[in-house]
């Protein structure tokens, strides 16, 4: 990815940042698509640490080519063993504030057999509904944001548009693995990562394709539950009706956690929610209601929530079954009673509900259903001593976060984005989970999320893609923010 340096141009000098980005992009669609493809071709999954390090070194070089100071930030005491954070900075003489741009260069794991091409790191461009999309792991989540920021820098430099703020970049390499070392790295480098605001460039825009600005994110906590039957599979004819079936036990346990409308029945599950304020409620009331569009797109005959629309429900905690396994199905099915059944639960959180508290509420519910709880695999003695045993693994969770919509800097961010994209959609909460709480603690700042990907980008799934128009729009958006007055 080369930086094009042109002679000063009076026309560009008078351009606004979004116009400068458009002038830069339009004659370079083919060139920029190839540059983006080169970036996507570097494997970025946790199973390939060398690939992650190649991404990081590549990005340091890209920042340096654009005149930024750049380096890798490592986890203290763990040099070379965890993916580094890519840090960059452009100082502006006389600047009175610092803006930090966050994104992540790592991607979700890949199962190559699920991809149409079988090659998730050989990007291809396809026409979808008459528009080009690029397919590769990381295309939408989240290399597009990084590429947009780099390209926006090039566009501003070519147009000789001066920056108004100090600009910092923090690009993580472990977000899809839970950001296990992010806060540790940030805390060790607090003098490098503070900013008046962190702009978190991750996630999709609204389903209407209008630019979205989001002021918070749900938190997340996980529980994995294993229940026990016989210590080995038993013939279902000889022992059915007598030996308890753990698959059925687990299904019955899980079914009792929610009603037919999706309302969680676990006691106290909704206790402690910090309600939305008048500004947040107004933003929700003005946001598009896309439920009918999405029901049709996802082929849903009904939705949960007793009539509430999606954006309302994103501001409530949720309980989801990520996966459930027991025995075998299909060609591998056997007529047997399986020895165990396991389910992984995903608990999305909102402001006011702590991850450990929510996990404990679910554990208390499981105990109330007659289960003996163990935090390690159950022993023979425990299984003989108790009618029902559940082995529960509770992972560390991430709290929810929400930034006030009426912060003065929020108004500046809104105006900058509107200069590029026109009227935008404001939302109090992002449905997914981003480590905003860790960022805010370490940097002593507030976060605002600026997504650019298309909503149907298959993020976290096979055939991940990015609508290229979203990339061009995103470059304009990033140019407006980087040069924000």
Protein backbone atom coordinates (compact mmCIF):
# COMPACT_ATOMS: atom_id res chain seq x y z
CA UNK A 1 0.00 0.00 0.00
CA UNK A 2 1.87 3.10 -1.24
CA UNK A 3 1.27 6.71 -0.28
CA UNK A 4 0.73 8.95 -3.28
CA UNK A 5 2.29 12.42 -2.80
CA UNK A 6 1.17 15.11 -5.21
CA UNK A 7 2.10 18.73 -5.66
CA UNK A 8 -0.03 21.34 -3.86
CA UNK A 9 -3.32 21.99 -5.61
CA UNK A 10 -5.44 25.05 -5.04
CA UNK A 11 -8.62 23.09 -5.67
CA UNK A 12 -7.77 20.45 -3.05
CA UNK A 13 -6.60 23.10 -0.59
CA UNK A 14 -10.13 24.53 -0.57
CA UNK A 15 -11.80 21.14 -0.20
CA UNK A 16 -13.62 19.99 2.89
CA UNK A 17 -12.20 16.77 4.38
CA UNK A 18 -15.05 14.60 2.98
CA UNK A 19 -14.70 16.18 -0.46
CA UNK A 20 -10.94 15.67 -0.36
CA UNK A 21 -11.55 12.00 0.42
CA UNK A 22 -13.98 11.69 -2.50
CA UNK A 23 -11.52 13.39 -4.86
CA UNK A 24 -8.84 10.97 -3.72
CA UNK A 25 -10.99 7.81 -3.87
CA UNK A 26 -12.88 8.17 -7.14
CA UNK A 27 -9.97 7.80 -9.59
CA UNK A 28 -8.38 5.08 -7.45
CA UNK A 29 -11.15 2.49 -6.90
CA UNK A 30 -9.18 -0.29 -8.58
CA UNK A 31 -5.92 0.63 -6.89
CA UNK A 32 -7.49 0.95 -3.43
CA UNK A 33 -9.41 -2.32 -3.83
CA UNK A 34 -6.13 -4.07 -4.59
CA UNK A 35 -4.45 -2.44 -1.59
CA UNK A 36 -7.30 -3.54 0.65
CA UNK A 37 -7.05 -7.06 -0.81
CA UNK A 38 -3.32 -7.16 0.02
CA UNK A 39 -4.15 -6.28 3.63
CA UNK A 40 -6.92 -8.89 3.83
CA UNK A 41 -4.59 -11.55 2.43
CA UNK A 42 -2.49 -11.49 5.62
CA UNK A 43 -4.04 -14.16 7.91
CA UNK A 44 -5.35 -12.61 11.11
CA UNK A 45 -6.66 -15.40 13.35
CA UNK A 46 -5.48 -16.39 16.81
CA UNK A 47 -4.45 -19.84 15.53
CA UNK A 48 -1.81 -18.10 13.39
CA UNK A 49 0.31 -15.90 15.73
CA UNK A 50 2.87 -15.31 12.97
CA UNK A 51 0.11 -13.97 10.73
CA UNK A 52 -1.09 -11.62 13.46
CA UNK A 53 2.44 -10.31 13.93
CA UNK A 54 2.76 -9.77 10.17
CA UNK A 55 -0.42 -7.68 10.31
CA UNK A 56 0.97 -5.61 13.15
CA UNK A 57 4.32 -4.97 11.46
CA UNK A 58 2.55 -4.11 8.21
CA UNK A 59 0.39 -1.52 9.98
CA UNK A 60 3.33 0.08 11.76
CA UNK A 61 4.98 0.55 8.36
CA UNK A 62 1.77 2.01 6.90
CA UNK A 63 1.54 4.59 9.68
CA UNK A 64 5.19 5.51 9.36
CA UNK A 65 4.79 6.02 5.60
CA UNK A 66 2.16 8.62 6.42
CA UNK A 67 4.44 10.50 8.80
CA UNK A 68 3.07 9.09 12.03
CA UNK A 69 5.18 7.91 14.91
CA UNK A 70 4.31 4.24 15.31
CA UNK A 71 5.32 1.18 17.29
CA UNK A 72 4.07 -2.04 18.82
CA UNK A 73 2.83 -2.12 22.41
CA UNK A 74 3.37 -5.49 24.10
CA UNK A 75 1.73 -7.04 27.15
CA UNK A 76 4.07 -6.42 30.13
CA UNK A 77 5.99 -9.54 31.04
CA UNK A 78 4.70 -11.38 27.97
CA UNK A 79 6.75 -10.04 25.06
CA UNK A 80 6.07 -11.91 21.85
CA UNK A 81 3.51 -14.27 23.39
CA UNK A 82 0.36 -12.20 22.79
CA UNK A 83 -0.69 -10.15 19.76
CA UNK A 84 0.63 -6.58 20.11
CA UNK A 85 -1.36 -3.39 19.99
CA UNK A 86 -0.37 -1.19 17.07
CA UNK A 87 0.04 2.39 18.29
CA UNK A 88 0.47 5.49 16.18
CA UNK A 89 0.44 9.23 16.74
CA UNK A 90 0.38 12.39 14.67
CA UNK A 91 1.03 15.49 16.75
CA UNK A 92 -0.49 18.79 15.68
CA UNK A 93 1.24 21.99 16.87
CA UNK A 94 -1.04 24.02 19.08
CA UNK A 95 -3.68 21.31 19.33
CA UNK A 96 -5.87 21.54 22.41
CA UNK A 97 -7.22 18.00 22.34
CA UNK A 98 -6.36 14.45 21.35
CA UNK A 99 -8.63 12.06 19.47
CA UNK A 100 -7.93 8.31 19.60
CA UNK A 101 -9.11 5.94 16.86
CA UNK A 102 -9.59 2.30 17.94
CA UNK A 103 -10.07 -0.70 15.67
CA UNK A 104 -8.87 -4.32 15.68
CA UNK A 105 -6.84 -6.14 13.06
CA UNK A 106 -7.56 -9.70 14.23
CA UNK A 107 -10.51 -11.74 12.96
CA UNK A 108 -12.71 -14.62 14.03
CA UNK A 109 -11.51 -18.22 13.53
CA UNK A 110 -12.17 -19.74 10.11
CA UNK A 111 -13.45 -23.13 9.00
CA UNK A 112 -12.29 -23.18 5.41
CA UNK A 113 -14.80 -25.84 4.32
CA UNK A 114 -17.66 -23.43 5.13
CA UNK A 115 -16.40 -20.76 2.74
CA UNK A 116 -17.63 -20.85 -0.86
CA UNK A 117 -14.06 -20.65 -2.15
CA UNK A 118 -12.47 -22.59 0.70
CA UNK A 119 -9.89 -19.80 0.87
CA UNK A 120 -10.83 -17.09 3.38
CA UNK A 121 -7.51 -15.26 2.94
CA UNK A 122 -7.60 -15.02 -0.84
CA UNK A 123 -9.94 -12.05 -1.28
CA UNK A 124 -12.36 -12.04 -4.19
CA UNK A 125 -14.76 -9.38 -5.45
CA UNK A 126 -18.32 -10.39 -6.38
CA UNK A 127 -21.33 -8.46 -7.60
CA UNK A 128 -24.24 -8.61 -5.15
CA UNK A 129 -27.46 -6.80 -6.10
CA UNK A 130 -25.50 -4.93 -8.76
CA UNK A 131 -22.80 -3.69 -6.36
CA UNK A 132 -19.27 -4.99 -5.72
CA UNK A 133 -18.41 -6.67 -2.43
CA UNK A 134 -15.06 -8.04 -1.33
CA UNK A 135 -15.06 -11.43 0.44
CA UNK A 136 -12.38 -12.40 3.00
CA UNK A 137 -11.99 -12.88 6.73
CA UNK A 138 -11.68 -9.46 8.37
CA UNK A 139 -13.26 -7.61 5.43
CA UNK A 140 -16.07 -6.18 7.53
CA UNK A 141 -14.80 -6.96 11.01
CA UNK A 142 -12.58 -5.02 11.33
CA UNK A 143 -9.85 -4.34 8.78
CA UNK A 144 -12.13 -2.02 6.79
CA UNK A 145 -12.01 0.58 9.56
CA UNK A 146 -8.20 0.50 9.71
CA UNK A 147 -7.87 0.75 5.93
CA UNK A 148 -10.37 3.63 5.90
CA UNK A 149 -8.33 5.53 8.48
CA UNK A 150 -5.07 5.00 6.60
CA UNK A 151 -6.61 6.01 3.29
CA UNK A 152 -8.27 9.06 4.85
CA UNK A 153 -4.86 10.17 6.12
CA UNK A 154 -3.45 9.88 2.59
CA UNK A 155 -6.38 11.86 1.16
CA UNK A 156 -5.96 14.67 3.69
CA UNK A 157 -2.22 14.84 3.09
CA UNK A 158 -2.62 14.98 -0.68
CA UNK A 159 -5.21 17.76 -0.28
CA UNK A 160 -2.96 19.62 2.22
CA UNK A 161 -5.75 19.82 4.77
CA UNK A 162 -4.25 20.57 8.20
CA UNK A 163 -5.29 18.59 11.27
CA UNK A 164 -6.90 20.36 14.22
CA UNK A 165 -6.17 17.79 16.93
CA UNK A 166 -3.49 15.38 18.01
CA UNK A 167 -4.45 12.02 16.48
CA UNK A 168 -3.67 8.65 17.99
CA UNK A 169 -4.37 5.15 16.68
CA UNK A 170 -4.83 2.07 18.87
CA UNK A 171 -5.33 -1.06 16.79
CA UNK A 172 -5.80 -4.25 18.78
CA UNK A 173 -4.85 -7.78 17.75
CA UNK A 174 -6.81 -9.77 20.33
CA UNK A 175 -10.36 -8.42 20.24
CA UNK A 176 -11.89 -11.56 18.76
CA UNK A 177 -10.18 -13.60 21.48
CA UNK A 178 -11.78 -11.57 24.25
CA UNK A 179 -9.24 -8.71 24.58
CA UNK A 180 -7.56 -10.68 27.35
CA UNK A 181 -4.51 -8.39 27.50
CA UNK A 182 -5.88 -5.10 26.18
CA UNK A 183 -6.39 -3.35 29.50
CA UNK A 184 -3.01 -4.58 30.74
CA UNK A 185 -1.29 -3.15 27.66
CA UNK A 186 -3.19 0.13 27.87
CA UNK A 187 -2.49 0.55 31.59
CA UNK A 188 1.22 0.06 30.97
CA UNK A 189 1.15 2.80 28.31
CA UNK A 190 -1.29 5.33 29.76
CA UNK A 191 0.82 8.29 28.66
CA UNK A 192 0.47 7.09 25.04
CA UNK A 193 -3.20 6.22 24.86
CA UNK A 194 -5.08 8.99 26.65
CA UNK A 195 -7.45 11.07 24.56
CA UNK A 196 -10.37 13.44 24.96
CA UNK A 197 -12.48 10.81 23.21
CA UNK A 198 -11.91 7.33 21.82
CA UNK A 199 -13.68 6.71 18.52
CA UNK A 200 -14.28 2.97 18.37
CA UNK A 201 -14.48 2.04 14.70
CA UNK A 202 -16.10 -1.38 14.72
CA UNK A 203 -19.39 -2.97 13.76
CA UNK A 204 -22.10 -2.40 11.13
CA UNK A 205 -24.14 0.67 10.25
CA UNK A 206 -27.92 0.63 10.35
CA UNK A 207 -29.76 -1.85 8.16
CA UNK A 208 -31.02 1.10 6.07
CA UNK A 209 -27.32 1.78 5.24
CA UNK A 210 -27.49 5.19 6.91
CA UNK A 211 -24.47 6.13 9.00
CA UNK A 212 -24.90 5.27 12.66
CA UNK A 213 -23.24 6.72 15.76
CA UNK A 214 -23.48 4.63 18.92
CA UNK A 215 -22.82 5.76 22.48
CA UNK A 216 -22.47 2.47 24.32
CA UNK A 217 -22.28 -1.29 24.07
CA UNK A 218 -23.77 -4.22 25.88
CA UNK A 219 -21.46 -6.22 28.07
CA UNK A 220 -21.08 -9.98 27.89
CA UNK A 221 -20.58 -12.94 30.19
CA UNK A 222 -20.54 -16.66 29.46
CA UNK A 223 -21.47 -19.83 31.32
CA UNK A 224 -20.86 -23.36 30.10
CA UNK A 225 -23.07 -25.98 31.73
CA UNK A 226 -22.48 -29.74 31.65
CA UNK A 227 -25.01 -32.12 33.18
CA UNK A 228 -24.47 -35.82 33.74
CA UNK A 229 -26.23 -39.10 32.98
CA UNK A 230 -24.55 -42.54 33.07
CA UNK A 231 -20.74 -42.64 33.07
CA UNK A 232 -20.80 -44.13 29.55
CA UNK A 233 -23.38 -44.36 26.77
CA UNK A 234 -26.11 -46.94 27.41
CA UNK A 235 -28.34 -48.87 25.01
CA UNK A 236 -31.55 -46.81 24.79
CA UNK A 237 -33.71 -49.93 24.45
CA UNK A 238 -32.29 -51.76 27.45
CA UNK A 239 -32.03 -48.71 29.74
CA UNK A 240 -34.46 -46.10 28.34
CA UNK A 241 -37.17 -45.00 30.84
CA UNK A 242 -34.75 -45.86 33.66
CA UNK A 243 -31.35 -44.18 33.17
CA UNK A 244 -31.76 -40.37 33.13
CA UNK A 245 -30.94 -38.78 29.79
CA UNK A 246 -28.69 -35.72 30.30
CA UNK A 247 -29.72 -34.20 26.96
CA UNK A 248 -33.34 -34.13 28.06
CA UNK A 249 -32.38 -32.88 31.52
CA UNK A 250 -30.40 -30.00 30.00
CA UNK A 251 -33.14 -29.08 27.55
CA UNK A 252 -35.69 -28.98 30.36
CA UNK A 253 -33.36 -26.86 32.49
CA UNK A 254 -32.73 -24.36 29.69
CA UNK A 255 -36.38 -24.20 28.64
CA UNK A 256 -37.31 -23.05 32.13
CA UNK A 257 -35.06 -20.01 31.83
CA UNK A 258 -37.25 -18.17 29.28
CA UNK A 259 -40.93 -17.92 28.43
CA UNK A 260 -42.50 -18.27 24.99
CA UNK A 261 -41.94 -14.55 24.27
CA UNK A 262 -38.24 -14.67 25.11
CA UNK A 263 -38.57 -13.00 28.53
CA UNK A 264 -35.95 -14.39 30.91
CA UNK A 265 -37.50 -16.09 33.96
CA UNK A 266 -34.31 -16.35 36.03
CA UNK A 267 -35.07 -14.48 39.28
CA UNK A 268 -33.63 -10.93 39.48
CA UNK A 269 -32.26 -11.17 35.91
CA UNK A 270 -33.45 -7.62 35.10
CA UNK A 271 -32.62 -6.07 38.50
CA UNK A 272 -30.29 -3.08 38.56
CA UNK A 273 -30.74 -1.79 35.01
CA UNK A 274 -29.80 1.89 34.73
CA UNK A 275 -32.64 3.29 32.62
CA UNK A 276 -32.13 5.38 29.52
CA UNK A 277 -32.44 9.13 29.96
CA UNK A 278 -34.63 11.52 27.95
CA UNK A 279 -31.97 12.12 25.27
CA UNK A 280 -31.43 8.38 24.74
CA UNK A 281 -35.16 7.72 24.60
CA UNK A 282 -35.60 10.50 22.06
CA UNK A 283 -32.81 9.03 19.91
CA UNK A 284 -34.49 5.62 19.97
CA UNK A 285 -37.84 7.14 19.07
CA UNK A 286 -36.28 8.84 16.03
CA UNK A 287 -34.31 5.81 14.82
CA UNK A 288 -35.60 3.70 11.92
CA UNK A 289 -37.65 0.63 12.80
CA UNK A 290 -36.25 -2.10 10.57
CA UNK A 291 -37.97 -5.10 12.11
CA UNK A 292 -40.16 -5.98 9.13
CA UNK A 293 -37.20 -5.70 6.76
CA UNK A 294 -35.11 -7.97 8.99
CA UNK A 295 -37.87 -10.53 9.54
CA UNK A 296 -38.09 -10.92 5.78
CA UNK A 297 -34.33 -11.01 5.30
CA UNK A 298 -33.80 -13.59 8.05
CA UNK A 299 -36.98 -15.57 7.19
CA UNK A 300 -38.49 -15.21 10.67
CA UNK A 301 -42.12 -16.09 11.18
CA UNK A 302 -42.10 -14.41 14.59
CA UNK A 303 -39.80 -12.51 16.91
CA UNK A 304 -39.39 -12.40 20.67
CA UNK A 305 -40.01 -9.38 22.85
CA UNK A 306 -43.82 -9.09 23.15
CA UNK A 307 -44.03 -6.48 20.43
CA UNK A 308 -40.96 -4.41 21.29
CA UNK A 309 -38.76 -3.62 18.33
CA UNK A 310 -35.12 -4.64 17.99
CA UNK A 311 -33.52 -1.36 19.06
CA UNK A 312 -35.56 -1.32 22.28
CA UNK A 313 -34.56 -4.88 23.10
CA UNK A 314 -30.86 -4.11 22.60
CA UNK A 315 -31.14 -2.00 25.75
CA UNK A 316 -32.20 -4.99 27.85
CA UNK A 317 -30.06 -7.90 29.09
CA UNK A 318 -30.41 -11.16 27.18
CA UNK A 319 -29.79 -14.87 27.60
CA UNK A 320 -28.80 -16.86 24.53
CA UNK A 321 -27.76 -20.46 23.91
CA UNK A 322 -24.63 -20.27 21.76
CA UNK A 323 -24.43 -24.01 21.33
CA UNK A 324 -25.62 -27.29 22.75
CA UNK A 325 -24.13 -30.75 22.31
CA UNK A 326 -24.90 -34.29 23.42
CA UNK A 327 -24.58 -37.65 21.69
CA UNK A 328 -24.58 -37.79 17.89
CA UNK A 329 -26.95 -37.00 15.03
CA UNK A 330 -27.30 -37.83 11.35
CA UNK A 331 -25.17 -40.64 9.97
CA UNK A 332 -23.28 -40.89 13.28
CA UNK A 333 -26.39 -41.27 15.42
CA UNK A 334 -26.57 -44.28 17.76
CA UNK A 335 -29.49 -45.67 19.75
CA UNK A 336 -28.02 -44.73 23.08
CA UNK A 337 -28.41 -42.58 26.17
CA UNK A 338 -25.44 -40.15 26.16
CA UNK A 339 -23.30 -39.69 29.28
CA UNK A 340 -23.28 -35.86 29.27
CA UNK A 341 -24.89 -32.82 27.70
CA UNK A 342 -23.28 -29.38 27.46
CA UNK A 343 -24.58 -25.92 26.62
CA UNK A 344 -22.79 -22.60 26.32
CA UNK A 345 -24.79 -19.59 27.47
CA UNK A 346 -24.15 -16.02 26.32
CA UNK A 347 -25.42 -13.36 28.74
CA UNK A 348 -25.52 -9.88 27.20
CA UNK A 349 -25.46 -7.12 29.80
CA UNK A 350 -26.61 -3.52 30.05
CA UNK A 351 -25.40 -0.68 32.25
CA UNK A 352 -26.06 -1.44 35.93
CA UNK A 353 -25.63 -5.23 35.74
CA UNK A 354 -22.25 -6.69 36.66
CA UNK A 355 -21.04 -9.80 34.78
CA UNK A 356 -20.36 -11.86 37.91
CA UNK A 357 -23.72 -10.89 39.39
CA UNK A 358 -25.58 -12.01 36.27
CA UNK A 359 -23.65 -15.27 36.10
CA UNK A 360 -24.45 -15.94 39.75
CA UNK A 361 -28.16 -15.33 39.16
CA UNK A 362 -28.20 -18.06 36.52
CA UNK A 363 -26.15 -20.39 38.74
CA UNK A 364 -28.58 -19.78 41.60
CA UNK A 365 -31.45 -20.68 39.29
CA UNK A 366 -29.75 -23.93 38.27
CA UNK A 367 -29.22 -24.77 41.93
CA UNK A 368 -32.89 -24.03 42.65
CA UNK A 369 -33.81 -26.72 40.10
CA UNK A 370 -32.19 -29.36 42.29
CA UNK A 371 -28.68 -29.39 40.83
CA UNK A 372 -25.53 -29.83 42.85
CA UNK A 373 -23.04 -27.30 41.41
CA UNK A 374 -19.35 -27.97 40.88
CA UNK A 375 -16.72 -25.72 39.30
CA UNK A 376 -14.57 -28.68 38.18
CA UNK A 377 -15.60 -31.88 36.38
CA UNK A 378 -17.78 -33.92 38.70
CA UNK A 379 -16.25 -36.89 40.49
CA UNK A 380 -17.77 -40.35 40.66
CA UNK A 381 -18.54 -39.74 44.34
CA UNK A 382 -20.38 -36.48 43.60
CA UNK A 383 -22.44 -38.08 40.85
CA UNK A 384 -23.46 -40.94 43.12
CA UNK A 385 -24.26 -38.62 46.03
CA UNK A 386 -26.55 -36.21 44.16
CA UNK A 387 -29.53 -36.90 41.88
CA UNK A 388 -28.55 -34.04 39.54
CA UNK A 389 -25.07 -32.57 39.07
CA UNK A 390 -24.04 -29.57 36.95
CA UNK A 391 -20.45 -28.66 36.16
CA UNK A 392 -20.39 -24.92 35.46
CA UNK A 393 -17.54 -22.95 33.93
CA UNK A 394 -17.88 -19.19 34.32
CA UNK A 395 -15.63 -17.05 32.13
CA UNK A 396 -14.54 -13.50 32.95
CA UNK A 397 -17.10 -11.05 31.58
CA UNK A 398 -17.07 -7.54 30.14
CA UNK A 399 -19.35 -4.87 31.68
CA UNK A 400 -21.62 -2.70 29.59
CA UNK A 401 -20.75 0.95 28.98
CA UNK A 402 -22.66 4.05 27.89
CA UNK A 403 -21.42 7.55 27.10
CA UNK A 404 -23.74 10.54 27.66
CA UNK A 405 -25.05 11.79 24.33
CA UNK A 406 -24.87 15.43 25.41
CA UNK A 407 -21.10 15.65 25.94
CA UNK A 408 -19.65 18.71 24.15
CA UNK A 409 -17.20 16.55 22.19
CA UNK A 410 -20.09 14.31 21.13
CA UNK A 411 -21.65 17.31 19.39
CA UNK A 412 -18.38 17.90 17.53
CA UNK A 413 -18.26 14.26 16.43
CA UNK A 414 -21.87 14.40 15.22
CA UNK A 415 -21.24 17.56 13.19
CA UNK A 416 -18.09 16.10 11.63
CA UNK A 417 -19.83 12.90 10.54
CA UNK A 418 -22.87 14.78 9.25
CA UNK A 419 -20.51 16.83 7.05
CA UNK A 420 -19.63 13.55 5.32
CA UNK A 421 -22.79 11.48 5.51
CA UNK A 422 -25.67 13.88 6.07
CA UNK A 423 -28.26 13.09 8.73
CA UNK A 424 -27.08 10.21 10.91
CA UNK A 425 -28.77 7.74 13.27
CA UNK A 426 -27.92 8.09 16.96
CA UNK A 427 -28.23 5.04 19.22
CA UNK A 428 -27.54 4.66 22.94
CA UNK A 429 -26.43 1.03 22.76
CA UNK A 430 -24.60 -1.28 20.38
CA UNK A 431 -25.93 -4.83 20.37
CA UNK A 432 -22.51 -6.45 20.34
CA UNK A 433 -19.80 -6.26 22.97
CA UNK A 434 -16.65 -4.20 22.60
CA UNK A 435 -14.17 -3.73 25.51
CA UNK A 436 -15.28 -0.12 26.05
CA UNK A 437 -15.07 -0.41 29.83
CA UNK A 438 -11.40 -1.41 29.68
CA UNK A 439 -10.63 1.44 27.30
CA UNK A 440 -12.38 4.01 29.46
CA UNK A 441 -10.68 2.86 32.66
CA UNK A 442 -7.19 2.82 31.16
CA UNK A 443 -7.44 6.01 29.10
CA UNK A 444 -9.65 7.90 31.59
CA UNK A 445 -11.90 8.94 28.74
CA UNK A 446 -15.23 8.32 27.02
CA UNK A 447 -15.94 6.20 23.95
CA UNK A 448 -18.21 6.67 20.93
CA UNK A 449 -18.62 3.94 18.33
CA UNK A 450 -18.40 4.82 14.64
CA UNK A 451 -19.19 1.72 12.51
CA UNK A 452 -18.73 1.59 8.74
CA UNK A 453 -19.44 -2.04 7.67
CA UNK A 454 -22.67 -3.21 6.01
CA UNK A 455 -25.13 -4.95 8.32
CA UNK A 456 -25.18 -8.08 6.13
CA UNK A 457 -21.39 -8.56 6.09
CA UNK A 458 -21.50 -12.09 7.61
CA UNK A 459 -19.18 -10.98 10.38
CA UNK A 460 -18.11 -13.88 12.62
CA UNK A 461 -19.32 -16.31 9.93
CA UNK A 462 -18.19 -17.86 6.67
CA UNK A 463 -18.13 -15.69 3.54
CA UNK A 464 -17.51 -12.49 5.49
CA UNK A 465 -17.69 -9.55 3.13
CA UNK A 466 -17.66 -5.80 2.79
CA UNK A 467 -19.81 -3.79 0.39
CA UNK A 468 -17.19 -1.59 -1.26
CA UNK A 469 -19.45 1.46 -1.16
CA UNK A 470 -19.33 1.15 2.63
CA UNK A 471 -15.56 1.36 2.40
CA UNK A 472 -15.64 4.49 0.24
CA UNK A 473 -18.21 6.06 2.57
CA UNK A 474 -16.11 5.04 5.55
CA UNK A 475 -13.02 6.75 4.16
CA UNK A 476 -14.98 10.00 3.85
CA UNK A 477 -16.26 9.58 7.41
CA UNK A 478 -12.77 8.97 8.79
CA UNK A 479 -11.38 11.96 6.91
CA UNK A 480 -14.05 14.17 8.49
CA UNK A 481 -13.20 12.85 11.96
CA UNK A 482 -9.41 12.98 11.62
CA UNK A 483 -9.60 16.63 10.50
CA UNK A 484 -12.45 17.44 12.91
CA UNK A 485 -12.39 21.09 14.09
